[in-house]
Amino acid sequence: TRFVADFVGSANLIAGRIAGSADGNGHIRFESAGGLMLEA
């Protein structure tokens, strides 16, 4: 959750939306604010 990520250790929270699944590796594609596409 956001709380665990933020409270335990130091983390960057990046907003966006799920944009689909990655190429069969169990990862997802995530489109961040600003349009940058990430693999998560």
Full PDB file with SEQRES, HELIX, SHEET, SSBOND, CRYST1, ORIGX, SCALE, CONECT and MASTER records, all heavy atoms in Angstrom:
SEQRES   1 A   40  THR ARG PHE VAL ALA ASP PHE VAL GLY SER ALA ASN LEU          
SEQRES   2 A   40  ILE ALA GLY ARG ILE ALA GLY SER ALA ASP GLY ASN GLY          
SEQRES   3 A   40  HIS ILE ARG PHE GLU SER ALA GLY GLY LEU MET LEU GLU          
SEQRES   4 A   40  ALA                                                          
HELIX    1 AA1 ARG A    2  PHE A    7  1                                   6    
SHEET    1 AA1 3 GLY A  16  SER A  21  0                                        
SHEET    2 AA1 3 ILE A  28  SER A  32 -1                                        
SHEET    3 AA1 3 MET A  37  GLU A  39 -1                                        
CRYST1    1.000    1.000    1.000  90.00  90.00  90.00 P 1           1          
ORIGX1      1.000000  0.000000  0.000000        0.00000                         
ORIGX2      0.000000  1.000000  0.000000        0.00000                         
ORIGX3      0.000000  0.000000  1.000000        0.00000                         
SCALE1      1.000000  0.000000  0.000000        0.00000                         
SCALE2      0.000000  1.000000  0.000000        0.00000                         
SCALE3      0.000000  0.000000  1.000000        0.00000                         
ATOM      1  N   THR A   1       0.827  -1.200   0.000  1.00  0.00           N  
ATOM      2  CA  THR A   1       0.000   0.000   0.000  1.00  0.00           C  
ATOM      3  C   THR A   1       0.867   1.258   0.000  1.00  0.00           C  
ATOM      4  O   THR A   1       2.068   1.210   0.292  1.00  0.00           O  
ATOM      5  CB  THR A   1      -0.913   0.037   1.236  1.00  0.00           C  
ATOM      6  OG1 THR A   1      -0.102   0.197   2.417  1.00  0.00           O  
ATOM      7  CG2 THR A   1      -1.738  -1.235   1.357  1.00  0.00           C  
ATOM      8  N   ARG A   2       0.225   2.385  -0.300  1.00  0.00           N  
ATOM      9  CA  ARG A   2       0.925   3.676  -0.275  1.00  0.00           C  
ATOM     10  C   ARG A   2       1.503   3.935   1.113  1.00  0.00           C  
ATOM     11  O   ARG A   2       2.625   4.435   1.249  1.00  0.00           O  
ATOM     12  CB  ARG A   2      -0.035   4.809  -0.651  1.00  0.00           C  
ATOM     13  CG  ARG A   2      -0.457   4.856  -2.108  1.00  0.00           C  
ATOM     14  CD  ARG A   2      -1.463   5.979  -2.332  1.00  0.00           C  
ATOM     15  NE  ARG A   2      -0.857   7.269  -2.024  1.00  0.00           N  
ATOM     16  CZ  ARG A   2      -0.301   8.071  -2.925  1.00  0.00           C  
ATOM     17  NH1 ARG A   2      -0.273   7.721  -4.200  1.00  0.00           N  
ATOM     18  NH2 ARG A   2       0.208   9.227  -2.577  1.00  0.00           N  
ATOM     19  N   PHE A   3       0.739   3.605   2.148  1.00  0.00           N  
ATOM     20  CA  PHE A   3       1.210   3.883   3.501  1.00  0.00           C  
ATOM     21  C   PHE A   3       2.480   3.103   3.806  1.00  0.00           C  
ATOM     22  O   PHE A   3       3.443   3.661   4.339  1.00  0.00           O  
ATOM     23  CB  PHE A   3       0.129   3.540   4.535  1.00  0.00           C  
ATOM     24  CG  PHE A   3       0.608   3.729   5.950  1.00  0.00           C  
ATOM     25  CD1 PHE A   3       0.633   4.992   6.515  1.00  0.00           C  
ATOM     26  CD2 PHE A   3       1.074   2.656   6.697  1.00  0.00           C  
ATOM     27  CE1 PHE A   3       1.105   5.190   7.810  1.00  0.00           C  
ATOM     28  CE2 PHE A   3       1.546   2.833   7.983  1.00  0.00           C  
ATOM     29  CZ  PHE A   3       1.565   4.109   8.537  1.00  0.00           C  
ATOM     30  N   VAL A   4       2.511   1.819   3.490  1.00  0.00           N  
ATOM     31  CA  VAL A   4       3.694   0.999   3.782  1.00  0.00           C  
ATOM     32  C   VAL A   4       4.893   1.494   2.985  1.00  0.00           C  
ATOM     33  O   VAL A   4       6.003   1.627   3.513  1.00  0.00           O  
ATOM     34  CB  VAL A   4       3.416  -0.487   3.482  1.00  0.00           C  
ATOM     35  CG1 VAL A   4       4.686  -1.319   3.667  1.00  0.00           C  
ATOM     36  CG2 VAL A   4       2.313  -1.014   4.392  1.00  0.00           C  
ATOM     37  N   ALA A   5       4.696   1.782   1.708  1.00  0.00           N  
ATOM     38  CA  ALA A   5       5.794   2.268   0.871  1.00  0.00           C  
ATOM     39  C   ALA A   5       6.359   3.572   1.396  1.00  0.00           C  
ATOM     40  O   ALA A   5       7.575   3.792   1.389  1.00  0.00           O  
ATOM     41  CB  ALA A   5       5.313   2.445  -0.566  1.00  0.00           C  
ATOM     42  N   ASP A   6       5.488   4.430   1.896  1.00  0.00           N  
ATOM     43  CA  ASP A   6       5.909   5.758   2.344  1.00  0.00           C  
ATOM     44  C   ASP A   6       6.470   5.743   3.760  1.00  0.00           C  
ATOM     45  O   ASP A   6       7.395   6.486   4.080  1.00  0.00           O  
ATOM     46  CB  ASP A   6       4.709   6.714   2.267  1.00  0.00           C  
ATOM     47  CG  ASP A   6       5.126   8.170   2.349  1.00  0.00           C  
ATOM     48  OD1 ASP A   6       6.170   8.527   1.772  1.00  0.00           O  
ATOM     49  OD2 ASP A   6       4.408   8.960   2.993  1.00  0.00           O  
ATOM     50  N   PHE A   7       5.929   4.863   4.619  1.00  0.00           N  
ATOM     51  CA  PHE A   7       6.331   4.857   6.030  1.00  0.00           C  
ATOM     52  C   PHE A   7       7.595   4.042   6.261  1.00  0.00           C  
ATOM     53  O   PHE A   7       8.429   4.403   7.094  1.00  0.00           O  
ATOM     54  CB  PHE A   7       5.192   4.311   6.901  1.00  0.00           C  
ATOM     55  CG  PHE A   7       5.483   4.367   8.373  1.00  0.00           C  
ATOM     56  CD1 PHE A   7       5.418   5.569   9.067  1.00  0.00           C  
ATOM     57  CD2 PHE A   7       5.843   3.220   9.079  1.00  0.00           C  
ATOM     58  CE1 PHE A   7       5.701   5.636  10.427  1.00  0.00           C  
ATOM     59  CE2 PHE A   7       6.127   3.278  10.438  1.00  0.00           C  
ATOM     60  CZ  PHE A   7       6.057   4.487  11.109  1.00  0.00           C  
ATOM     61  N   VAL A   8       7.743   2.932   5.556  1.00  0.00           N  
ATOM     62  CA  VAL A   8       8.892   2.038   5.761  1.00  0.00           C  
ATOM     63  C   VAL A   8       9.935   2.328   4.686  1.00  0.00           C  
ATOM     64  O   VAL A   8       9.720   2.063   3.512  1.00  0.00           O  
ATOM     65  CB  VAL A   8       8.470   0.560   5.706  1.00  0.00           C  
ATOM     66  CG1 VAL A   8       9.674  -0.334   5.963  1.00  0.00           C  
ATOM     67  CG2 VAL A   8       7.374   0.285   6.716  1.00  0.00           C  
ATOM     68  N   GLY A   9      11.075   2.866   5.104  1.00  0.00           N  
ATOM     69  CA  GLY A   9      12.104   3.202   4.133  1.00  0.00           C  
ATOM     70  C   GLY A   9      11.776   4.479   3.399  1.00  0.00           C  
ATOM     71  O   GLY A   9      10.848   5.212   3.740  1.00  0.00           O  
ATOM     72  N   SER A  10      12.538   4.751   2.354  1.00  0.00           N  
ATOM     73  CA  SER A  10      12.347   5.957   1.561  1.00  0.00           C  
ATOM     74  C   SER A  10      11.968   5.549   0.146  1.00  0.00           C  
ATOM     75  O   SER A  10      12.704   4.797  -0.507  1.00  0.00           O  
ATOM     76  CB  SER A  10      13.642   6.783   1.552  1.00  0.00           C  
ATOM     77  OG  SER A  10      13.523   7.903   0.701  1.00  0.00           O  
ATOM     78  N   ALA A  11      10.820   6.011  -0.329  1.00  0.00           N  
ATOM     79  CA  ALA A  11      10.331   5.596  -1.645  1.00  0.00           C  
ATOM     80  C   ALA A  11       9.765   6.778  -2.415  1.00  0.00           C  
ATOM     81  O   ALA A  11       9.250   7.739  -1.830  1.00  0.00           O  
ATOM     82  CB  ALA A  11       9.264   4.514  -1.505  1.00  0.00           C  
ATOM     83  N   ASN A  12       9.857   6.702  -3.721  1.00  0.00           N  
ATOM     84  CA  ASN A  12       9.168   7.633  -4.612  1.00  0.00           C  
ATOM     85  C   ASN A  12       7.824   7.027  -4.990  1.00  0.00           C  
ATOM     86  O   ASN A  12       7.762   5.857  -5.409  1.00  0.00           O  
ATOM     87  CB  ASN A  12       9.987   7.855  -5.890  1.00  0.00           C  
ATOM     88  CG  ASN A  12      11.309   8.549  -5.614  1.00  0.00           C  
ATOM     89  OD1 ASN A  12      11.359   9.757  -5.424  1.00  0.00           O  
ATOM     90  ND2 ASN A  12      12.395   7.771  -5.592  1.00  0.00           N  
ATOM     91  N   LEU A  13       6.748   7.771  -4.841  1.00  0.00           N  
ATOM     92  CA  LEU A  13       5.412   7.344  -5.252  1.00  0.00           C  
ATOM     93  C   LEU A  13       5.083   8.036  -6.562  1.00  0.00           C  
ATOM     94  O   LEU A  13       5.024   9.272  -6.627  1.00  0.00           O  
ATOM     95  CB  LEU A  13       4.387   7.677  -4.174  1.00  0.00           C  
ATOM     96  CG  LEU A  13       4.658   7.073  -2.790  1.00  0.00           C  
ATOM     97  CD1 LEU A  13       3.571   7.473  -1.803  1.00  0.00           C  
ATOM     98  CD2 LEU A  13       4.775   5.553  -2.863  1.00  0.00           C  
ATOM     99  N   ILE A  14       4.891   7.253  -7.603  1.00  0.00           N  
ATOM    100  CA  ILE A  14       4.697   7.786  -8.953  1.00  0.00           C  
ATOM    101  C   ILE A  14       3.267   7.497  -9.381  1.00  0.00           C  
ATOM    102  O   ILE A  14       2.840   6.336  -9.439  1.00  0.00           O  
ATOM    103  CB  ILE A  14       5.697   7.156  -9.942  1.00  0.00           C  
ATOM    104  CG1 ILE A  14       7.135   7.384  -9.447  1.00  0.00           C  
ATOM    105  CG2 ILE A  14       5.511   7.728 -11.333  1.00  0.00           C  
ATOM    106  CD1 ILE A  14       8.166   6.566 -10.190  1.00  0.00           C  
ATOM    107  N   ALA A  15       2.513   8.551  -9.673  1.00  0.00           N  
ATOM    108  CA  ALA A  15       1.108   8.416 -10.051  1.00  0.00           C  
ATOM    109  C   ALA A  15       0.981   8.095 -11.537  1.00  0.00           C  
ATOM    110  O   ALA A  15       1.843   8.442 -12.351  1.00  0.00           O  
ATOM    111  CB  ALA A  15       0.353   9.699  -9.722  1.00  0.00           C  
ATOM    112  N   GLY A  16      -0.115   7.412 -11.886  1.00  0.00           N  
ATOM    113  CA  GLY A  16      -0.366   7.085 -13.286  1.00  0.00           C  
ATOM    114  C   GLY A  16      -1.488   6.075 -13.404  1.00  0.00           C  
ATOM    115  O   GLY A  16      -2.401   6.037 -12.583  1.00  0.00           O  
ATOM    116  N   ARG A  17      -1.388   5.208 -14.421  1.00  0.00           N  
ATOM    117  CA  ARG A  17      -2.429   4.195 -14.633  1.00  0.00           C  
ATOM    118  C   ARG A  17      -1.824   2.973 -15.306  1.00  0.00           C  
ATOM    119  O   ARG A  17      -0.783   3.058 -15.981  1.00  0.00           O  
ATOM    120  CB  ARG A  17      -3.548   4.754 -15.508  1.00  0.00           C  
ATOM    121  CG  ARG A  17      -3.114   5.061 -16.930  1.00  0.00           C  
ATOM    122  CD  ARG A  17      -4.254   5.595 -17.785  1.00  0.00           C  
ATOM    123  NE  ARG A  17      -3.818   5.766 -19.173  1.00  0.00           N  
ATOM    124  CZ  ARG A  17      -3.874   4.804 -20.094  1.00  0.00           C  
ATOM    125  NH1 ARG A  17      -4.338   3.602 -19.768  1.00  0.00           N  
ATOM    126  NH2 ARG A  17      -3.468   5.030 -21.331  1.00  0.00           N  
ATOM    127  N   ILE A  18      -2.480   1.822 -15.115  1.00  0.00           N  
ATOM    128  CA  ILE A  18      -2.060   0.601 -15.793  1.00  0.00           C  
ATOM    129  C   ILE A  18      -2.377   0.743 -17.277  1.00  0.00           C  
ATOM    130  O   ILE A  18      -3.493   1.103 -17.661  1.00  0.00           O  
ATOM    131  CB  ILE A  18      -2.765  -0.627 -15.199  1.00  0.00           C  
ATOM    132  CG1 ILE A  18      -2.336  -0.828 -13.735  1.00  0.00           C  
ATOM    133  CG2 ILE A  18      -2.457  -1.878 -16.012  1.00  0.00           C  
ATOM    134  CD1 ILE A  18      -3.058  -1.958 -13.036  1.00  0.00           C  
ATOM    135  N   ALA A  19      -1.383   0.444 -18.109  1.00  0.00           N  
ATOM    136  CA  ALA A  19      -1.558   0.594 -19.557  1.00  0.00           C  
ATOM    137  C   ALA A  19      -1.500  -0.750 -20.280  1.00  0.00           C  
ATOM    138  O   ALA A  19      -1.457  -0.786 -21.511  1.00  0.00           O  
ATOM    139  CB  ALA A  19      -0.496   1.542 -20.119  1.00  0.00           C  
ATOM    140  N   GLY A  20      -1.491  -1.856 -19.545  1.00  0.00           N  
ATOM    141  CA  GLY A  20      -1.460  -3.172 -20.169  1.00  0.00           C  
ATOM    142  C   GLY A  20      -0.397  -4.042 -19.532  1.00  0.00           C  
ATOM    143  O   GLY A  20       0.301  -3.641 -18.608  1.00  0.00           O  
ATOM    144  N   SER A  21      -0.280  -5.265 -20.049  1.00  0.00           N  
ATOM    145  CA  SER A  21       0.725  -6.192 -19.528  1.00  0.00           C  
ATOM    146  C   SER A  21       1.967  -6.138 -20.390  1.00  0.00           C  
ATOM    147  O   SER A  21       1.907  -5.820 -21.576  1.00  0.00           O  
ATOM    148  CB  SER A  21       0.166  -7.616 -19.489  1.00  0.00           C  
ATOM    149  OG  SER A  21      -0.203  -8.031 -20.789  1.00  0.00           O  
ATOM    150  N   ALA A  22       3.104  -6.455 -19.780  1.00  0.00           N  
ATOM    151  CA  ALA A  22       4.363  -6.505 -20.524  1.00  0.00           C  
ATOM    152  C   ALA A  22       4.453  -7.852 -21.253  1.00  0.00           C  
ATOM    153  O   ALA A  22       3.530  -8.660 -21.217  1.00  0.00           O  
ATOM    154  CB  ALA A  22       5.534  -6.306 -19.572  1.00  0.00           C  
ATOM    155  N   ASP A  23       5.578  -8.101 -21.896  1.00  0.00           N  
ATOM    156  CA  ASP A  23       5.703  -9.245 -22.801  1.00  0.00           C  
ATOM    157  C   ASP A  23       5.877 -10.570 -22.070  1.00  0.00           C  
ATOM    158  O   ASP A  23       6.970 -11.116 -22.002  1.00  0.00           O  
ATOM    159  CB  ASP A  23       6.882  -9.030 -23.762  1.00  0.00           C  
ATOM    160  CG  ASP A  23       6.671  -7.799 -24.634  1.00  0.00           C  
ATOM    161  OD1 ASP A  23       5.502  -7.474 -24.886  1.00  0.00           O  
ATOM    162  OD2 ASP A  23       7.672  -7.193 -25.028  1.00  0.00           O  
ATOM    163  N   GLY A  24       4.798 -11.084 -21.474  1.00  0.00           N  
ATOM    164  CA  GLY A  24       4.788 -12.423 -20.930  1.00  0.00           C  
ATOM    165  C   GLY A  24       5.699 -12.686 -19.751  1.00  0.00           C  
ATOM    166  O   GLY A  24       5.959 -13.836 -19.413  1.00  0.00           O  
ATOM    167  N   ASN A  25       6.192 -11.639 -19.089  1.00  0.00           N  
ATOM    168  CA  ASN A  25       7.109 -11.842 -17.964  1.00  0.00           C  
ATOM    169  C   ASN A  25       6.438 -11.574 -16.627  1.00  0.00           C  
ATOM    170  O   ASN A  25       7.106 -11.514 -15.597  1.00  0.00           O  
ATOM    171  CB  ASN A  25       8.349 -10.950 -18.131  1.00  0.00           C  
ATOM    172  CG  ASN A  25       7.976  -9.476 -18.315  1.00  0.00           C  
ATOM    173  OD1 ASN A  25       6.828  -9.096 -18.091  1.00  0.00           O  
ATOM    174  ND2 ASN A  25       8.941  -8.672 -18.737  1.00  0.00           N  
ATOM    175  N   GLY A  26       5.122 -11.392 -16.643  1.00  0.00           N  
ATOM    176  CA  GLY A  26       4.407 -11.135 -15.398  1.00  0.00           C  
ATOM    177  C   GLY A  26       4.423  -9.682 -14.991  1.00  0.00           C  
ATOM    178  O   GLY A  26       3.790  -9.305 -13.997  1.00  0.00           O  
ATOM    179  N   HIS A  27       5.134  -8.833 -15.701  1.00  0.00           N  
ATOM    180  CA  HIS A  27       5.168  -7.409 -15.395  1.00  0.00           C  
ATOM    181  C   HIS A  27       4.017  -6.701 -16.093  1.00  0.00           C  
ATOM    182  O   HIS A  27       3.382  -7.234 -17.001  1.00  0.00           O  
ATOM    183  CB  HIS A  27       6.500  -6.797 -15.839  1.00  0.00           C  
ATOM    184  CG  HIS A  27       7.675  -7.318 -15.073  1.00  0.00           C  
ATOM    185  ND1 HIS A  27       8.974  -7.178 -15.509  1.00  0.00           N  
ATOM    186  CD2 HIS A  27       7.755  -8.001 -13.900  1.00  0.00           C  
ATOM    187  CE1 HIS A  27       9.793  -7.738 -14.646  1.00  0.00           C  
ATOM    188  NE2 HIS A  27       9.068  -8.240 -13.656  1.00  0.00           N  
ATOM    189  N   ILE A  28       3.753  -5.480 -15.644  1.00  0.00           N  
ATOM    190  CA  ILE A  28       2.709  -4.664 -16.271  1.00  0.00           C  
ATOM    191  C   ILE A  28       3.337  -3.390 -16.818  1.00  0.00           C  
ATOM    192  O   ILE A  28       4.410  -2.962 -16.380  1.00  0.00           O  
ATOM    193  CB  ILE A  28       1.560  -4.339 -15.289  1.00  0.00           C  
ATOM    194  CG1 ILE A  28       2.089  -3.623 -14.028  1.00  0.00           C  
ATOM    195  CG2 ILE A  28       0.828  -5.617 -14.883  1.00  0.00           C  
ATOM    196  CD1 ILE A  28       1.878  -2.160 -14.032  1.00  0.00           C  
ATOM    197  N   ARG A  29       2.659  -2.808 -17.792  1.00  0.00           N  
ATOM    198  CA  ARG A  29       3.067  -1.503 -18.317  1.00  0.00           C  
ATOM    199  C   ARG A  29       2.278  -0.443 -17.564  1.00  0.00           C  
ATOM    200  O   ARG A  29       1.074  -0.572 -17.356  1.00  0.00           O  
ATOM    201  CB  ARG A  29       2.815  -1.420 -19.818  1.00  0.00           C  
ATOM    202  CG  ARG A  29       3.658  -2.405 -20.617  1.00  0.00           C  
ATOM    203  CD  ARG A  29       3.239  -2.480 -22.075  1.00  0.00           C  
ATOM    204  NE  ARG A  29       3.586  -1.241 -22.774  1.00  0.00           N  
ATOM    205  CZ  ARG A  29       2.717  -0.459 -23.406  1.00  0.00           C  
ATOM    206  NH1 ARG A  29       1.418  -0.788 -23.398  1.00  0.00           N  
ATOM    207  NH2 ARG A  29       3.106   0.618 -24.033  1.00  0.00           N  
ATOM    208  N   PHE A  30       2.971   0.592 -17.138  1.00  0.00           N  
ATOM    209  CA  PHE A  30       2.370   1.632 -16.310  1.00  0.00           C  
ATOM    210  C   PHE A  30       2.696   2.988 -16.936  1.00  0.00           C  
ATOM    211  O   PHE A  30       3.870   3.332 -17.106  1.00  0.00           O  
ATOM    212  CB  PHE A  30       2.924   1.563 -14.885  1.00  0.00           C  
ATOM    213  CG  PHE A  30       2.267   2.493 -13.909  1.00  0.00           C  
ATOM    214  CD1 PHE A  30       1.095   2.139 -13.259  1.00  0.00           C  
ATOM    215  CD2 PHE A  30       2.814   3.743 -13.629  1.00  0.00           C  
ATOM    216  CE1 PHE A  30       0.490   2.989 -12.343  1.00  0.00           C  
ATOM    217  CE2 PHE A  30       2.222   4.595 -12.727  1.00  0.00           C  
ATOM    218  CZ  PHE A  30       1.048   4.222 -12.082  1.00  0.00           C  
ATOM    219  N   GLU A  31       1.657   3.731 -17.277  1.00  0.00           N  
ATOM    220  CA  GLU A  31       1.851   5.059 -17.865  1.00  0.00           C  
ATOM    221  C   GLU A  31       1.800   6.109 -16.753  1.00  0.00           C  
ATOM    222  O   GLU A  31       0.770   6.302 -16.109  1.00  0.00           O  
ATOM    223  CB  GLU A  31       0.779   5.369 -18.909  1.00  0.00           C  
ATOM    224  CG  GLU A  31       0.991   6.705 -19.608  1.00  0.00           C  
ATOM    225  CD  GLU A  31      -0.068   7.007 -20.643  1.00  0.00           C  
ATOM    226  OE1 GLU A  31      -0.996   6.185 -20.808  1.00  0.00           O  
ATOM    227  OE2 GLU A  31       0.014   8.086 -21.266  1.00  0.00           O  
ATOM    228  N   SER A  32       2.937   6.737 -16.503  1.00  0.00           N  
ATOM    229  CA  SER A  32       3.011   7.716 -15.426  1.00  0.00           C  
ATOM    230  C   SER A  32       2.493   9.066 -15.896  1.00  0.00           C  
ATOM    231  O   SER A  32       2.308   9.308 -17.100  1.00  0.00           O  
ATOM    232  CB  SER A  32       4.454   7.862 -14.958  1.00  0.00           C  
ATOM    233  OG  SER A  32       5.249   8.435 -15.978  1.00  0.00           O  
ATOM    234  N   ALA A  33       2.253   9.941 -14.927  1.00  0.00           N  
ATOM    235  CA  ALA A  33       1.880  11.311 -15.258  1.00  0.00           C  
ATOM    236  C   ALA A  33       2.985  11.915 -16.106  1.00  0.00           C  
ATOM    237  O   ALA A  33       4.165  11.754 -15.825  1.00  0.00           O  
ATOM    238  CB  ALA A  33       1.692  12.120 -13.985  1.00  0.00           C  
ATOM    239  N   GLY A  34       2.615  12.600 -17.165  1.00  0.00           N  
ATOM    240  CA  GLY A  34       3.617  13.124 -18.088  1.00  0.00           C  
ATOM    241  C   GLY A  34       3.830  12.217 -19.275  1.00  0.00           C  
ATOM    242  O   GLY A  34       4.591  12.544 -20.194  1.00  0.00           O  
ATOM    243  N   GLY A  35       3.187  11.024 -19.264  1.00  0.00           N  
ATOM    244  CA  GLY A  35       3.222  10.132 -20.411  1.00  0.00           C  
ATOM    245  C   GLY A  35       4.382   9.167 -20.456  1.00  0.00           C  
ATOM    246  O   GLY A  35       4.484   8.376 -21.405  1.00  0.00           O  
ATOM    247  N   LEU A  36       5.275   9.165 -19.454  1.00  0.00           N  
ATOM    248  CA  LEU A  36       6.400   8.238 -19.466  1.00  0.00           C  
ATOM    249  C   LEU A  36       5.900   6.820 -19.199  1.00  0.00           C  
ATOM    250  O   LEU A  36       5.188   6.576 -18.232  1.00  0.00           O  
ATOM    251  CB  LEU A  36       7.426   8.639 -18.401  1.00  0.00           C  
ATOM    252  CG  LEU A  36       8.672   7.743 -18.285  1.00  0.00           C  
ATOM    253  CD1 LEU A  36       9.507   7.819 -19.546  1.00  0.00           C  
ATOM    254  CD2 LEU A  36       9.502   8.141 -17.069  1.00  0.00           C  
ATOM    255  N   MET A  37       6.287   5.872 -20.063  1.00  0.00           N  
ATOM    256  CA  MET A  37       5.860   4.489 -19.917  1.00  0.00           C  
ATOM    257  C   MET A  37       6.902   3.707 -19.105  1.00  0.00           C  
ATOM    258  O   MET A  37       8.093   3.734 -19.423  1.00  0.00           O  
ATOM    259  CB  MET A  37       5.684   3.837 -21.290  1.00  0.00           C  
ATOM    260  CG  MET A  37       4.856   2.564 -21.248  1.00  0.00           C  
ATOM    261  SD  MET A  37       3.125   2.854 -20.774  1.00  0.00           S  
ATOM    262  CE  MET A  37       2.527   3.751 -22.213  1.00  0.00           C  
ATOM    263  N   LEU A  38       6.442   3.051 -18.041  1.00  0.00           N  
ATOM    264  CA  LEU A  38       7.319   2.285 -17.169  1.00  0.00           C  
ATOM    265  C   LEU A  38       6.902   0.823 -17.176  1.00  0.00           C  
ATOM    266  O   LEU A  38       5.749   0.482 -17.465  1.00  0.00           O  
ATOM    267  CB  LEU A  38       7.254   2.823 -15.729  1.00  0.00           C  
ATOM    268  CG  LEU A  38       7.650   4.277 -15.508  1.00  0.00           C  
ATOM    269  CD1 LEU A  38       7.358   4.680 -14.067  1.00  0.00           C  
ATOM    270  CD2 LEU A  38       9.122   4.500 -15.846  1.00  0.00           C  
ATOM    271  N   GLU A  39       7.838  -0.037 -16.813  1.00  0.00           N  
ATOM    272  CA  GLU A  39       7.541  -1.444 -16.609  1.00  0.00           C  
ATOM    273  C   GLU A  39       7.610  -1.711 -15.110  1.00  0.00           C  
ATOM    274  O   GLU A  39       8.578  -1.339 -14.449  1.00  0.00           O  
ATOM    275  CB  GLU A  39       8.550  -2.318 -17.350  1.00  0.00           C  
ATOM    276  CG  GLU A  39       8.186  -3.793 -17.372  1.00  0.00           C  
ATOM    277  CD  GLU A  39       9.112  -4.598 -18.268  1.00  0.00           C  
ATOM    278  OE1 GLU A  39       9.783  -4.002 -19.130  1.00  0.00           O  
ATOM    279  OE2 GLU A  39       9.177  -5.832 -18.079  1.00  0.00           O  
ATOM    280  N   ALA A  40       6.569  -2.339 -14.563  1.00  0.00           N  
ATOM    281  CA  ALA A  40       6.471  -2.531 -13.118  1.00  0.00           C  
ATOM    282  C   ALA A  40       6.072  -3.955 -12.797  1.00  0.00           C  
ATOM    283  O   ALA A  40       5.593  -4.699 -13.666  1.00  0.00           O  
ATOM    284  CB  ALA A  40       5.453  -1.544 -12.527  1.00  0.00           C  
TER     285      ALA A  40                                                      
MASTER        0    0    0    1    3    0    0    6  284    1    0    4          
END                                                                             
